[in-house]
Amino acid sequence: MIPKVICQGLNDLATKMYLVADDLGLIDIESSYSDEMRYVRKKMGQITEAIPLLAGNVRKPLTDVVKMDEAIIVTLELPGMEKEDIEVTATDDELSVRAKKTVEPKMHAVRAHKCERSHGIYRQKIKLPCSIERDETSATLNNGLLTITTPKEVVTTRTRIRVE
């Protein structure tokens, strides 16, 4: 059995490594070695249970997408996040949300028995049901709920003109 102090230390190290990799943009790169890494982790037995997969530290927030007549409203649960922690980007038909709250320094000074709320990384890509007006998209954060409102792209309908 691995002592709790070592497990917590390994867990903290894995989180710090993930944060550095995320800041460098390495998390988005697909690895051809991911299957091999899963195999190695499976074979490591108890240690793999103590060290979560780095990608496992990323949570997908609960998300609702509502299609209205003139807009799309997306709501995501991001508990504990401040607006400075959140990055929202948009393409014509997709929203991408990243939120990251790092460990507070004073949390390291306190040796907590259990510490699950000191950091969080959320990432979600939302494929939208239609094209949107990116420039008119707005986002608000209220009590851990991020609401993104984006107007649908205006598509002019074609009118058939009769030739006489």
C-alpha atoms as a PDB file:
ATOM      1  CA  MET A   1       0.000   0.000   0.000  1.00  0.00           C
ATOM      2  CA  ILE A   2       1.357   3.441  -0.911  1.00  0.00           C
ATOM      3  CA  PRO A   3       1.319   6.023   1.940  1.00  0.00           C
ATOM      4  CA  LYS A   4      -1.219   8.847   1.550  1.00  0.00           C
ATOM      5  CA  VAL A   5       1.535  11.501   1.665  1.00  0.00           C
ATOM      6  CA  ILE A   6       3.245   9.974  -1.372  1.00  0.00           C
ATOM      7  CA  CYS A   7      -0.070   9.587  -3.222  1.00  0.00           C
ATOM      8  CA  GLN A   8      -0.930  13.240  -2.573  1.00  0.00           C
ATOM      9  CA  GLY A   9       2.556  14.335  -3.664  1.00  0.00           C
ATOM     10  CA  LEU A  10       2.290  12.322  -6.876  1.00  0.00           C
ATOM     11  CA  ASN A  11      -1.192  13.683  -7.477  1.00  0.00           C
ATOM     12  CA  ASP A  12       0.032  17.287  -6.994  1.00  0.00           C
ATOM     13  CA  LEU A  13       2.972  16.646  -9.341  1.00  0.00           C
ATOM     14  CA  ALA A  14       0.675  15.176 -12.011  1.00  0.00           C
ATOM     15  CA  THR A  15      -1.572  18.245 -11.758  1.00  0.00           C
ATOM     16  CA  LYS A  16       1.361  20.663 -12.039  1.00  0.00           C
ATOM     17  CA  MET A  17       2.708  18.762 -15.053  1.00  0.00           C
ATOM     18  CA  TYR A  18      -0.704  18.942 -16.713  1.00  0.00           C
ATOM     19  CA  LEU A  19      -0.958  22.696 -16.084  1.00  0.00           C
ATOM     20  CA  VAL A  20       2.465  23.285 -17.656  1.00  0.00           C
ATOM     21  CA  ALA A  21       1.586  21.080 -20.643  1.00  0.00           C
ATOM     22  CA  ASP A  22      -1.734  22.913 -21.018  1.00  0.00           C
ATOM     23  CA  ASP A  23      -0.016  26.323 -20.912  1.00  0.00           C
ATOM     24  CA  LEU A  24       2.386  25.165 -23.629  1.00  0.00           C
ATOM     25  CA  GLY A  25      -0.497  23.899 -25.778  1.00  0.00           C
ATOM     26  CA  LEU A  26       0.707  20.317 -25.661  1.00  0.00           C
ATOM     27  CA  ILE A  27      -2.583  18.875 -24.452  1.00  0.00           C
ATOM     28  CA  ASP A  28      -4.240  19.486 -27.826  1.00  0.00           C
ATOM     29  CA  ILE A  29      -1.597  17.494 -29.699  1.00  0.00           C
ATOM     30  CA  GLU A  30      -2.676  13.952 -30.400  1.00  0.00           C
ATOM     31  CA  SER A  31      -0.044  11.446 -29.380  1.00  0.00           C
ATOM     32  CA  SER A  32       0.653   8.311 -31.334  1.00  0.00           C
ATOM     33  CA  TYR A  33       1.880   6.829 -28.076  1.00  0.00           C
ATOM     34  CA  SER A  34      -1.394   7.172 -26.141  1.00  0.00           C
ATOM     35  CA  ASP A  35      -2.257   3.467 -26.544  1.00  0.00           C
ATOM     36  CA  GLU A  36       1.195   2.477 -25.322  1.00  0.00           C
ATOM     37  CA  MET A  37       0.889   4.833 -22.352  1.00  0.00           C
ATOM     38  CA  ARG A  38      -2.481   3.302 -21.395  1.00  0.00           C
ATOM     39  CA  TYR A  39      -0.886  -0.168 -21.598  1.00  0.00           C
ATOM     40  CA  VAL A  40       2.036   0.879 -19.380  1.00  0.00           C
ATOM     41  CA  ARG A  41      -0.289   2.534 -16.861  1.00  0.00           C
ATOM     42  CA  LYS A  42      -2.445  -0.606 -16.740  1.00  0.00           C
ATOM     43  CA  LYS A  43       0.601  -2.730 -15.978  1.00  0.00           C
ATOM     44  CA  MET A  44       1.810  -0.429 -13.192  1.00  0.00           C
ATOM     45  CA  GLY A  45      -0.906  -1.676 -10.840  1.00  0.00           C
ATOM     46  CA  GLN A  46      -1.395   0.234  -7.578  1.00  0.00           C
ATOM     47  CA  ILE A  47       0.702   3.223  -8.613  1.00  0.00           C
ATOM     48  CA  THR A  48      -1.612   3.942 -11.530  1.00  0.00           C
ATOM     49  CA  GLU A  49      -4.502   4.167  -9.093  1.00  0.00           C
ATOM     50  CA  ALA A  50      -2.580   6.740  -7.045  1.00  0.00           C
ATOM     51  CA  ILE A  51      -1.649   8.889 -10.048  1.00  0.00           C
ATOM     52  CA  PRO A  52      -4.636   9.924 -12.153  1.00  0.00           C
ATOM     53  CA  LEU A  53      -4.217  10.186 -15.900  1.00  0.00           C
ATOM     54  CA  LEU A  54      -3.186  13.706 -16.764  1.00  0.00           C
ATOM     55  CA  ALA A  55      -6.049  14.009 -19.205  1.00  0.00           C
ATOM     56  CA  GLY A  56      -8.307  12.763 -16.413  1.00  0.00           C
ATOM     57  CA  ASN A  57      -7.724  16.034 -14.583  1.00  0.00           C
ATOM     58  CA  VAL A  58      -9.702  17.816 -17.279  1.00  0.00           C
ATOM     59  CA  ARG A  59     -13.402  17.881 -16.587  1.00  0.00           C
ATOM     60  CA  LYS A  60     -16.172  18.425 -19.087  1.00  0.00           C
ATOM     61  CA  PRO A  61     -18.647  20.860 -17.610  1.00  0.00           C
ATOM     62  CA  LEU A  62     -22.321  20.031 -17.673  1.00  0.00           C
ATOM     63  CA  THR A  63     -23.659  21.866 -20.712  1.00  0.00           C
ATOM     64  CA  ASP A  64     -27.061  22.857 -22.089  1.00  0.00           C
ATOM     65  CA  VAL A  65     -27.562  24.126 -25.651  1.00  0.00           C
ATOM     66  CA  VAL A  66     -30.903  25.780 -26.398  1.00  0.00           C
ATOM     67  CA  LYS A  67     -31.825  26.765 -29.948  1.00  0.00           C
ATOM     68  CA  MET A  68     -34.170  29.760 -29.978  1.00  0.00           C
ATOM     69  CA  ASP A  69     -35.721  31.467 -33.002  1.00  0.00           C
ATOM     70  CA  GLU A  70     -32.966  34.058 -33.400  1.00  0.00           C
ATOM     71  CA  ALA A  71     -30.200  32.903 -31.060  1.00  0.00           C
ATOM     72  CA  ILE A  72     -28.478  29.953 -29.448  1.00  0.00           C
ATOM     73  CA  ILE A  73     -28.005  29.963 -25.679  1.00  0.00           C
ATOM     74  CA  VAL A  74     -25.298  27.741 -24.190  1.00  0.00           C
ATOM     75  CA  THR A  75     -25.051  27.292 -20.421  1.00  0.00           C
ATOM     76  CA  LEU A  76     -22.111  25.568 -18.719  1.00  0.00           C
ATOM     77  CA  GLU A  77     -21.493  24.759 -15.047  1.00  0.00           C
ATOM     78  CA  LEU A  78     -18.056  26.051 -13.984  1.00  0.00           C
ATOM     79  CA  PRO A  79     -18.054  25.959 -10.169  1.00  0.00           C
ATOM     80  CA  GLY A  80     -15.474  28.090  -8.412  1.00  0.00           C
ATOM     81  CA  MET A  81     -14.348  29.891 -11.556  1.00  0.00           C
ATOM     82  CA  GLU A  82     -13.959  33.643 -11.913  1.00  0.00           C
ATOM     83  CA  LYS A  83     -14.328  35.418 -15.246  1.00  0.00           C
ATOM     84  CA  GLU A  84     -10.523  35.838 -15.432  1.00  0.00           C
ATOM     85  CA  ASP A  85     -10.165  32.022 -15.343  1.00  0.00           C
ATOM     86  CA  ILE A  86     -12.333  31.463 -18.434  1.00  0.00           C
ATOM     87  CA  GLU A  87     -11.515  31.651 -22.149  1.00  0.00           C
ATOM     88  CA  VAL A  88     -14.269  31.365 -24.751  1.00  0.00           C
ATOM     89  CA  THR A  89     -13.532  31.182 -28.478  1.00  0.00           C
ATOM     90  CA  ALA A  90     -15.906  30.762 -31.399  1.00  0.00           C
ATOM     91  CA  THR A  91     -15.826  29.647 -34.998  1.00  0.00           C
ATOM     92  CA  ASP A  92     -18.777  29.812 -37.386  1.00  0.00           C
ATOM     93  CA  ASP A  93     -20.433  26.739 -35.878  1.00  0.00           C
ATOM     94  CA  GLU A  94     -18.512  25.803 -32.735  1.00  0.00           C
ATOM     95  CA  LEU A  95     -17.765  27.220 -29.290  1.00  0.00           C
ATOM     96  CA  SER A  96     -14.731  26.263 -27.259  1.00  0.00           C
ATOM     97  CA  VAL A  97     -14.588  26.897 -23.517  1.00  0.00           C
ATOM     98  CA  ARG A  98     -11.491  26.528 -21.352  1.00  0.00           C
ATOM     99  CA  ALA A  99     -11.432  27.306 -17.663  1.00  0.00           C
ATOM    100  CA  LYS A 100      -8.508  26.822 -15.323  1.00  0.00           C
ATOM    101  CA  LYS A 101      -8.143  27.625 -11.642  1.00  0.00           C
ATOM    102  CA  THR A 102      -4.712  26.913 -10.250  1.00  0.00           C
ATOM    103  CA  VAL A 103      -3.827  25.839  -6.728  1.00  0.00           C
ATOM    104  CA  GLU A 104      -3.791  28.710  -4.254  1.00  0.00           C
ATOM    105  CA  PRO A 105      -0.381  29.073  -2.510  1.00  0.00           C
ATOM    106  CA  LYS A 106      -1.869  29.031   0.984  1.00  0.00           C
ATOM    107  CA  MET A 107      -3.368  25.600   0.279  1.00  0.00           C
ATOM    108  CA  HIS A 108       0.142  24.101   0.165  1.00  0.00           C
ATOM    109  CA  ALA A 109       0.914  25.435   3.626  1.00  0.00           C
ATOM    110  CA  VAL A 110      -2.055  23.577   5.072  1.00  0.00           C
ATOM    111  CA  ARG A 111      -1.758  19.808   5.016  1.00  0.00           C
ATOM    112  CA  ALA A 112      -5.371  18.976   4.328  1.00  0.00           C
ATOM    113  CA  HIS A 113      -6.571  15.426   4.783  1.00  0.00           C
ATOM    114  CA  LYS A 114      -8.465  15.692   1.512  1.00  0.00           C
ATOM    115  CA  CYS A 115      -8.232  18.489  -1.032  1.00  0.00           C
ATOM    116  CA  GLU A 116     -10.378  18.204  -4.163  1.00  0.00           C
ATOM    117  CA  ARG A 117     -11.473  21.835  -4.677  1.00  0.00           C
ATOM    118  CA  SER A 118      -8.130  23.644  -4.830  1.00  0.00           C
ATOM    119  CA  HIS A 119      -7.879  23.491  -8.611  1.00  0.00           C
ATOM    120  CA  GLY A 120      -9.943  22.689 -11.585  1.00  0.00           C
ATOM    121  CA  ILE A 121      -9.550  22.454 -15.315  1.00  0.00           C
ATOM    122  CA  TYR A 122     -12.588  22.423 -17.538  1.00  0.00           C
ATOM    123  CA  ARG A 123     -12.634  22.088 -21.286  1.00  0.00           C
ATOM    124  CA  GLN A 124     -15.573  21.741 -23.647  1.00  0.00           C
ATOM    125  CA  LYS A 125     -16.077  22.055 -27.387  1.00  0.00           C
ATOM    126  CA  ILE A 126     -19.683  22.582 -28.370  1.00  0.00           C
ATOM    127  CA  LYS A 127     -20.769  21.885 -31.935  1.00  0.00           C
ATOM    128  CA  LEU A 128     -23.617  24.279 -32.647  1.00  0.00           C
ATOM    129  CA  PRO A 129     -26.703  23.337 -34.677  1.00  0.00           C
ATOM    130  CA  CYS A 130     -26.185  26.229 -37.117  1.00  0.00           C
ATOM    131  CA  SER A 131     -23.797  29.046 -38.046  1.00  0.00           C
ATOM    132  CA  ILE A 132     -23.549  31.990 -35.660  1.00  0.00           C
ATOM    133  CA  GLU A 133     -22.645  35.680 -35.633  1.00  0.00           C
ATOM    134  CA  ARG A 134     -19.321  35.494 -33.767  1.00  0.00           C
ATOM    135  CA  ASP A 135     -18.932  39.262 -33.421  1.00  0.00           C
ATOM    136  CA  GLU A 136     -22.240  39.593 -31.585  1.00  0.00           C
ATOM    137  CA  THR A 137     -21.701  36.702 -29.158  1.00  0.00           C
ATOM    138  CA  SER A 138     -21.707  37.556 -25.451  1.00  0.00           C
ATOM    139  CA  ALA A 139     -20.881  35.594 -22.298  1.00  0.00           C
ATOM    140  CA  THR A 140     -21.773  36.179 -18.648  1.00  0.00           C
ATOM    141  CA  LEU A 141     -20.750  34.349 -15.495  1.00  0.00           C
ATOM    142  CA  ASN A 142     -23.124  34.232 -12.550  1.00  0.00           C
ATOM    143  CA  ASN A 143     -22.694  31.932  -9.533  1.00  0.00           C
ATOM    144  CA  GLY A 144     -20.611  29.399 -11.461  1.00  0.00           C
ATOM    145  CA  LEU A 145     -22.906  29.327 -14.495  1.00  0.00           C
ATOM    146  CA  LEU A 146     -21.441  30.572 -17.754  1.00  0.00           C
ATOM    147  CA  THR A 147     -24.130  31.661 -20.204  1.00  0.00           C
ATOM    148  CA  ILE A 148     -23.113  32.268 -23.810  1.00  0.00           C
ATOM    149  CA  THR A 149     -25.670  33.928 -26.061  1.00  0.00           C
ATOM    150  CA  THR A 150     -24.973  33.994 -29.755  1.00  0.00           C
ATOM    151  CA  PRO A 151     -27.264  35.176 -32.539  1.00  0.00           C
ATOM    152  CA  LYS A 152     -27.795  32.823 -35.426  1.00  0.00           C
ATOM    153  CA  GLU A 153     -26.239  33.861 -38.708  1.00  0.00           C
ATOM    154  CA  VAL A 154     -28.794  35.663 -40.821  1.00  0.00           C
ATOM    155  CA  VAL A 155     -29.361  33.766 -44.006  1.00  0.00           C
ATOM    156  CA  THR A 156     -31.299  35.517 -46.675  1.00  0.00           C
ATOM    157  CA  THR A 157     -33.810  33.360 -48.389  1.00  0.00           C
ATOM    158  CA  ARG A 158     -33.907  33.121 -52.097  1.00  0.00           C
ATOM    159  CA  THR A 159     -36.881  34.395 -53.990  1.00  0.00           C
ATOM    160  CA  ARG A 160     -37.621  32.946 -57.322  1.00  0.00           C
ATOM    161  CA  ILE A 161     -38.253  35.632 -59.926  1.00  0.00           C
ATOM    162  CA  ARG A 162     -40.459  34.698 -62.743  1.00  0.00           C
ATOM    163  CA  VAL A 163     -39.097  35.365 -66.196  1.00  0.00           C
ATOM    164  CA  GLU A 164     -41.707  36.660 -68.643  1.00  0.00           C
END
